[in-house]
Amino acid sequence: MLRFLVHSNLFISLATLSVVVTTAILADLPLEALPLFIVFAATMFVYTVNRFTDLEEDEQNVPDRAAFTKRYGRLWLTAGVVLYVAAIAIAVALGLSGAAYLLLPLAVALLYSVGGVKQVFLVKNLFVGLAWGALPLGIGYYYDQLWSLSVLFMFAYVTVMITIAAVIFDVKDIEGDRQENIPTVPNQFGPHATRVWSLVATVAVAAVVVALVVTGTIPQRFLAVLAMNAYVCAYIPFATPDRGPLYYGFVVDGEHVFLAAVVLALEWLVW
């Protein structure tokens, strides 16, 4: 069941949806079904397209996922396209301002998969981080709170943390990335150095969060994000090339699901 959730992109779509939930709660914005559906649909579309464009690389790095894509990929691609088109159609029908921005996921998919972004050292990781960081910005735009400090903080936090996760994710792809001539932190500096510096970066982010709260720049409730920093520090030491796809696709990609669960629990029990 876990492999199905990971290989079908249902879990990663749940992860991006979790970013929306966390942002809305911490920024004190209402949770509505439409932005949740739009994010879920766009993620399903983008990641399913990427499964096909990365099929050759996946055959080397994650053969189980490649086999799943070959067998069921067309079905899930159809589902992704249908959901994505439905999200755009609903946004246009409701006259949502900024509906044209829903074409950005398509641009992201094209740039990442066929635009050569992956061939530039570190740009791939930052590109993924910025794509995820755009989720809080989208929620801020939807609720006319784009320039609120809470939304901007979540943009920066998600961008940095996903960039770190993307670097860690490359540990499992060392051999395949070398064969495809894709420069990554792990295949340039080795898995150990990657883990060490990823830990340092994660702790540094936590320190910045604490400093922002102590100085009153952001509300105290944002300390909740430190739960994800602890989660990331817990999985980084075990990120080795021999870990299976469930470790990276479920444990690593599950960081935002974990954070959303923590934030929801705090919302119901404490705040």
Protein backbone atom coordinates (compact mmCIF):
# COMPACT_ATOMS: atom_id res chain seq x y z
CA MET A 1 0.00 0.00 0.00
CA LEU A 2 2.81 2.41 0.83
CA ARG A 3 4.57 1.64 -2.44
CA PHE A 4 1.32 2.28 -4.28
CA LEU A 5 0.86 5.65 -2.54
CA VAL A 6 4.43 6.66 -3.38
CA HIS A 7 4.64 5.36 -6.95
CA SER A 8 1.20 6.71 -7.92
CA ASN A 9 2.12 10.22 -6.66
CA LEU A 10 -0.85 10.22 -4.30
CA PHE A 11 1.45 10.67 -1.32
CA ILE A 12 3.50 13.52 -2.79
CA SER A 13 0.21 15.23 -3.70
CA LEU A 14 -0.87 14.82 -0.09
CA ALA A 15 2.46 16.38 0.94
CA THR A 16 1.91 19.55 -1.10
CA LEU A 17 -1.65 19.72 0.19
CA SER A 18 -0.14 19.55 3.68
CA VAL A 19 1.93 22.68 2.94
CA VAL A 20 -1.32 24.50 2.20
CA VAL A 21 -2.87 23.28 5.45
CA THR A 22 0.15 24.34 7.50
CA THR A 23 0.33 27.75 5.85
CA ALA A 24 -3.37 28.45 6.29
CA ILE A 25 -3.36 27.53 9.99
CA LEU A 26 -0.15 29.34 10.92
CA ALA A 27 -1.13 32.44 8.91
CA ASP A 28 -4.61 32.33 10.45
CA LEU A 29 -6.35 31.88 7.10
CA PRO A 30 -9.50 29.81 6.50
CA LEU A 31 -9.22 26.35 5.01
CA GLU A 32 -11.30 25.94 1.85
CA ALA A 33 -11.74 22.95 -0.43
CA LEU A 34 -10.91 24.71 -3.72
CA PRO A 35 -7.25 25.67 -3.07
CA LEU A 36 -6.67 22.21 -1.59
CA PHE A 37 -8.08 20.58 -4.72
CA ILE A 38 -6.09 22.85 -7.04
CA VAL A 39 -2.81 22.05 -5.30
CA PHE A 40 -3.53 18.32 -5.21
CA ALA A 41 -4.47 18.26 -8.91
CA ALA A 42 -1.47 20.33 -10.04
CA THR A 43 0.93 18.14 -8.06
CA MET A 44 -0.52 14.94 -9.47
CA PHE A 45 -0.12 16.32 -12.98
CA VAL A 46 3.44 17.66 -12.59
CA TYR A 47 4.88 14.62 -10.83
CA THR A 48 3.21 12.12 -13.15
CA VAL A 49 4.62 13.91 -16.19
CA ASN A 50 8.02 13.80 -14.49
CA ARG A 51 7.71 10.03 -14.02
CA PHE A 52 7.61 9.62 -17.81
CA THR A 53 10.39 12.09 -18.61
CA ASP A 54 12.62 10.47 -15.97
CA LEU A 55 11.74 6.91 -16.90
CA GLU A 56 15.20 5.99 -18.23
CA GLU A 57 16.88 7.43 -15.14
CA ASP A 58 14.38 5.67 -12.85
CA GLU A 59 15.16 2.32 -14.45
CA GLN A 60 18.65 2.71 -12.97
CA ASN A 61 17.82 4.41 -9.68
CA VAL A 62 14.36 3.13 -8.70
CA PRO A 63 13.44 0.15 -10.93
CA ASP A 64 10.26 -0.61 -8.96
CA ARG A 65 8.93 2.85 -9.66
CA ALA A 66 9.91 2.59 -13.32
CA ALA A 67 8.05 -0.73 -13.56
CA PHE A 68 4.99 0.86 -11.97
CA THR A 69 5.14 3.74 -14.45
CA LYS A 70 5.39 1.37 -17.40
CA ARG A 71 2.43 -0.68 -16.20
CA TYR A 72 0.08 1.96 -14.78
CA GLY A 73 1.61 5.26 -15.81
CA ARG A 74 -0.80 6.06 -18.63
CA LEU A 75 -3.75 5.62 -16.30
CA TRP A 76 -2.28 7.95 -13.69
CA LEU A 77 -1.18 10.45 -16.33
CA THR A 78 -4.74 10.56 -17.63
CA ALA A 79 -6.02 11.09 -14.09
CA GLY A 80 -3.47 13.86 -13.54
CA VAL A 81 -4.40 15.64 -16.76
CA VAL A 82 -8.13 15.37 -16.01
CA LEU A 83 -7.69 16.74 -12.48
CA TYR A 84 -5.42 19.55 -13.64
CA VAL A 85 -7.73 20.61 -16.47
CA ALA A 86 -10.71 20.41 -14.08
CA ALA A 87 -8.91 22.67 -11.60
CA ILE A 88 -8.24 25.26 -14.32
CA ALA A 89 -11.82 25.02 -15.62
CA ILE A 90 -13.28 25.51 -12.13
CA ALA A 91 -11.03 28.50 -11.46
CA VAL A 92 -12.03 30.11 -14.76
CA ALA A 93 -15.73 29.32 -14.25
CA LEU A 94 -15.66 30.92 -10.79
CA GLY A 95 -13.85 33.94 -12.16
CA LEU A 96 -10.94 33.60 -9.74
CA SER A 97 -8.40 36.35 -10.14
CA GLY A 98 -5.06 34.89 -11.09
CA ALA A 99 -6.57 31.82 -12.74
CA ALA A 100 -3.92 32.21 -15.44
CA TYR A 101 -1.29 31.41 -12.82
CA LEU A 102 -2.59 27.85 -12.83
CA LEU A 103 -0.56 27.39 -16.01
CA LEU A 104 2.61 27.74 -13.92
CA PRO A 105 2.64 24.03 -12.95
CA LEU A 106 2.77 23.18 -16.65
CA ALA A 107 5.71 25.55 -17.10
CA VAL A 108 7.41 23.99 -14.06
CA ALA A 109 6.94 20.50 -15.48
CA LEU A 110 8.39 21.49 -18.84
CA LEU A 111 11.36 23.40 -17.39
CA TYR A 112 12.27 20.66 -14.95
CA SER A 113 11.70 17.67 -17.20
CA VAL A 114 12.84 18.86 -20.62
CA GLY A 115 14.25 22.36 -20.06
CA GLY A 116 17.67 21.34 -18.85
CA VAL A 117 17.22 22.60 -15.29
CA LYS A 118 18.55 19.32 -13.91
CA GLN A 119 21.85 19.71 -15.74
CA VAL A 120 22.98 22.73 -13.69
CA PHE A 121 24.60 22.08 -10.32
CA LEU A 122 22.30 22.99 -7.38
CA VAL A 123 19.83 24.76 -9.68
CA LYS A 124 17.71 21.61 -9.81
CA ASN A 125 17.41 21.52 -6.03
CA LEU A 126 16.66 25.24 -5.70
CA PHE A 127 14.15 25.00 -8.55
CA VAL A 128 12.24 22.28 -6.68
CA GLY A 129 12.46 24.33 -3.48
CA LEU A 130 11.06 27.43 -5.16
CA ALA A 131 8.28 25.43 -6.82
CA TRP A 132 7.15 24.17 -3.41
CA GLY A 133 7.73 27.58 -1.87
CA ALA A 134 5.26 28.99 -4.38
CA LEU A 135 2.49 27.09 -2.59
CA PRO A 136 2.32 29.47 0.40
CA LEU A 137 2.49 32.39 -2.03
CA GLY A 138 -0.44 30.94 -3.94
CA ILE A 139 -2.47 30.63 -0.75
CA GLY A 140 -1.54 34.19 0.19
CA TYR A 141 -2.67 35.39 -3.24
CA TYR A 142 -5.93 33.43 -3.01
CA TYR A 143 -6.81 35.10 0.31
CA ASP A 144 -5.40 38.51 -0.68
CA GLN A 145 -2.64 38.15 1.92
CA LEU A 146 0.28 37.72 -0.45
CA TRP A 147 2.56 40.21 1.30
CA SER A 148 1.71 39.27 4.87
CA LEU A 149 4.78 38.41 6.95
CA SER A 150 3.35 35.00 7.84
CA VAL A 151 2.94 34.01 4.18
CA LEU A 152 6.37 35.34 3.23
CA PHE A 153 7.93 33.43 6.13
CA MET A 154 6.28 30.20 4.98
CA PHE A 155 7.51 30.84 1.44
CA ALA A 156 11.09 31.20 2.64
CA TYR A 157 10.87 28.31 5.10
CA VAL A 158 9.33 25.84 2.64
CA THR A 159 11.75 26.86 -0.12
CA VAL A 160 14.82 26.28 2.04
CA MET A 161 13.60 23.06 3.66
CA ILE A 162 12.52 21.50 0.37
CA THR A 163 15.85 22.49 -1.20
CA ILE A 164 17.60 20.60 1.60
CA ALA A 165 15.27 17.62 1.11
CA ALA A 166 15.95 17.68 -2.64
CA VAL A 167 19.69 17.49 -1.97
CA ILE A 168 19.17 14.52 0.36
CA PHE A 169 16.91 12.89 -2.23
CA ASP A 170 19.80 12.91 -4.69
CA VAL A 171 21.74 10.51 -2.44
CA LYS A 172 19.68 7.58 -3.76
CA ASP A 173 20.28 8.65 -7.37
CA ILE A 174 24.07 8.89 -7.39
CA GLU A 175 24.72 6.16 -9.95
CA GLY A 176 21.89 7.12 -12.28
CA ASP A 177 22.76 10.83 -12.12
CA ARG A 178 26.38 10.06 -12.96
CA GLN A 179 25.35 8.03 -15.98
CA GLU A 180 23.08 10.87 -17.12
CA ASN A 181 25.83 13.46 -16.41
CA ILE A 182 23.65 15.27 -13.88
CA PRO A 183 25.84 17.07 -11.31
CA THR A 184 24.45 16.81 -7.78
CA VAL A 185 25.81 17.48 -4.30
CA PRO A 186 26.04 13.74 -3.43
CA ASN A 187 27.89 12.71 -6.58
CA GLN A 188 30.23 15.71 -6.36
CA PHE A 189 31.06 15.60 -2.64
CA GLY A 190 29.84 12.19 -1.49
CA PRO A 191 26.91 11.06 0.69
CA HIS A 192 28.67 11.70 4.02
CA ALA A 193 29.48 15.35 3.30
CA THR A 194 25.96 15.79 1.92
CA ARG A 195 24.45 14.52 5.15
CA VAL A 196 26.73 16.65 7.34
CA TRP A 197 26.05 19.91 5.52
CA SER A 198 22.34 19.16 5.23
CA LEU A 199 22.24 18.74 9.02
CA VAL A 200 24.11 22.02 9.47
CA ALA A 201 21.67 23.80 7.15
CA THR A 202 18.64 22.33 8.94
CA VAL A 203 19.93 23.42 12.35
CA ALA A 204 20.73 26.87 10.95
CA VAL A 205 17.16 27.23 9.69
CA ALA A 206 15.86 26.25 13.14
CA ALA A 207 18.09 28.89 14.73
CA VAL A 208 16.71 31.55 12.37
CA VAL A 209 13.13 30.54 13.23
CA VAL A 210 13.85 30.84 16.95
CA ALA A 211 15.51 34.22 16.44
CA LEU A 212 12.53 35.53 14.48
CA VAL A 213 10.14 34.45 17.23
CA VAL A 214 12.31 35.81 20.07
CA THR A 215 12.56 39.21 18.36
CA GLY A 216 8.80 39.27 17.81
CA THR A 217 9.12 39.27 14.03
CA ILE A 218 6.75 36.32 13.70
CA PRO A 219 4.19 34.96 16.20
CA GLN A 220 5.17 32.31 18.74
CA ARG A 221 2.96 29.72 17.06
CA PHE A 222 5.51 29.48 14.24
CA LEU A 223 7.77 27.58 16.61
CA ALA A 224 5.64 24.61 15.53
CA VAL A 225 7.72 24.35 12.34
CA LEU A 226 10.66 23.25 14.48
CA ALA A 227 8.94 19.87 14.67
CA MET A 228 9.80 19.42 11.00
CA ASN A 229 13.40 20.50 11.56
CA ALA A 230 13.67 17.79 14.22
CA TYR A 231 12.06 15.29 11.83
CA VAL A 232 14.55 16.18 9.09
CA CYS A 233 17.50 15.93 11.48
CA ALA A 234 16.24 12.47 12.43
CA TYR A 235 16.13 11.09 8.87
CA ILE A 236 19.25 12.71 7.39
CA PRO A 237 21.79 10.41 9.14
CA PHE A 238 20.10 7.36 7.60
CA ALA A 239 19.96 8.72 4.04
CA THR A 240 22.30 6.34 2.23
CA PRO A 241 22.38 5.15 -1.40
CA ASP A 242 21.17 1.67 -0.43
CA ARG A 243 17.93 2.89 1.16
CA GLY A 244 14.86 1.81 -0.80
CA PRO A 245 12.33 4.07 -2.52
CA LEU A 246 9.99 3.95 0.48
CA TYR A 247 12.61 5.64 2.63
CA TYR A 248 12.90 8.59 0.29
CA GLY A 249 9.39 8.55 -1.16
CA PHE A 250 7.61 8.07 2.17
CA VAL A 251 9.91 9.08 5.03
CA VAL A 252 11.68 12.02 3.38
CA ASP A 253 8.69 13.21 1.35
CA GLY A 254 6.53 12.77 4.45
CA GLU A 255 8.12 15.71 6.27
CA HIS A 256 5.34 18.15 5.39
CA VAL A 257 2.63 15.61 6.13
CA PHE A 258 4.22 15.22 9.56
CA LEU A 259 4.36 18.99 10.08
CA ALA A 260 0.73 19.44 9.02
CA ALA A 261 -0.31 16.73 11.50
CA VAL A 262 1.59 18.51 14.29
CA VAL A 263 0.10 21.90 13.40
CA LEU A 264 -3.43 20.47 13.21
CA ALA A 265 -2.99 18.80 16.60
CA LEU A 266 -1.76 22.06 18.14
CA GLU A 267 -4.65 23.96 16.54
CA TRP A 268 -7.20 21.61 18.04
CA LEU A 269 -5.58 21.05 21.44
CA VAL A 270 -3.60 24.19 22.31
CA TRP A 271 -4.23 27.28 20.21
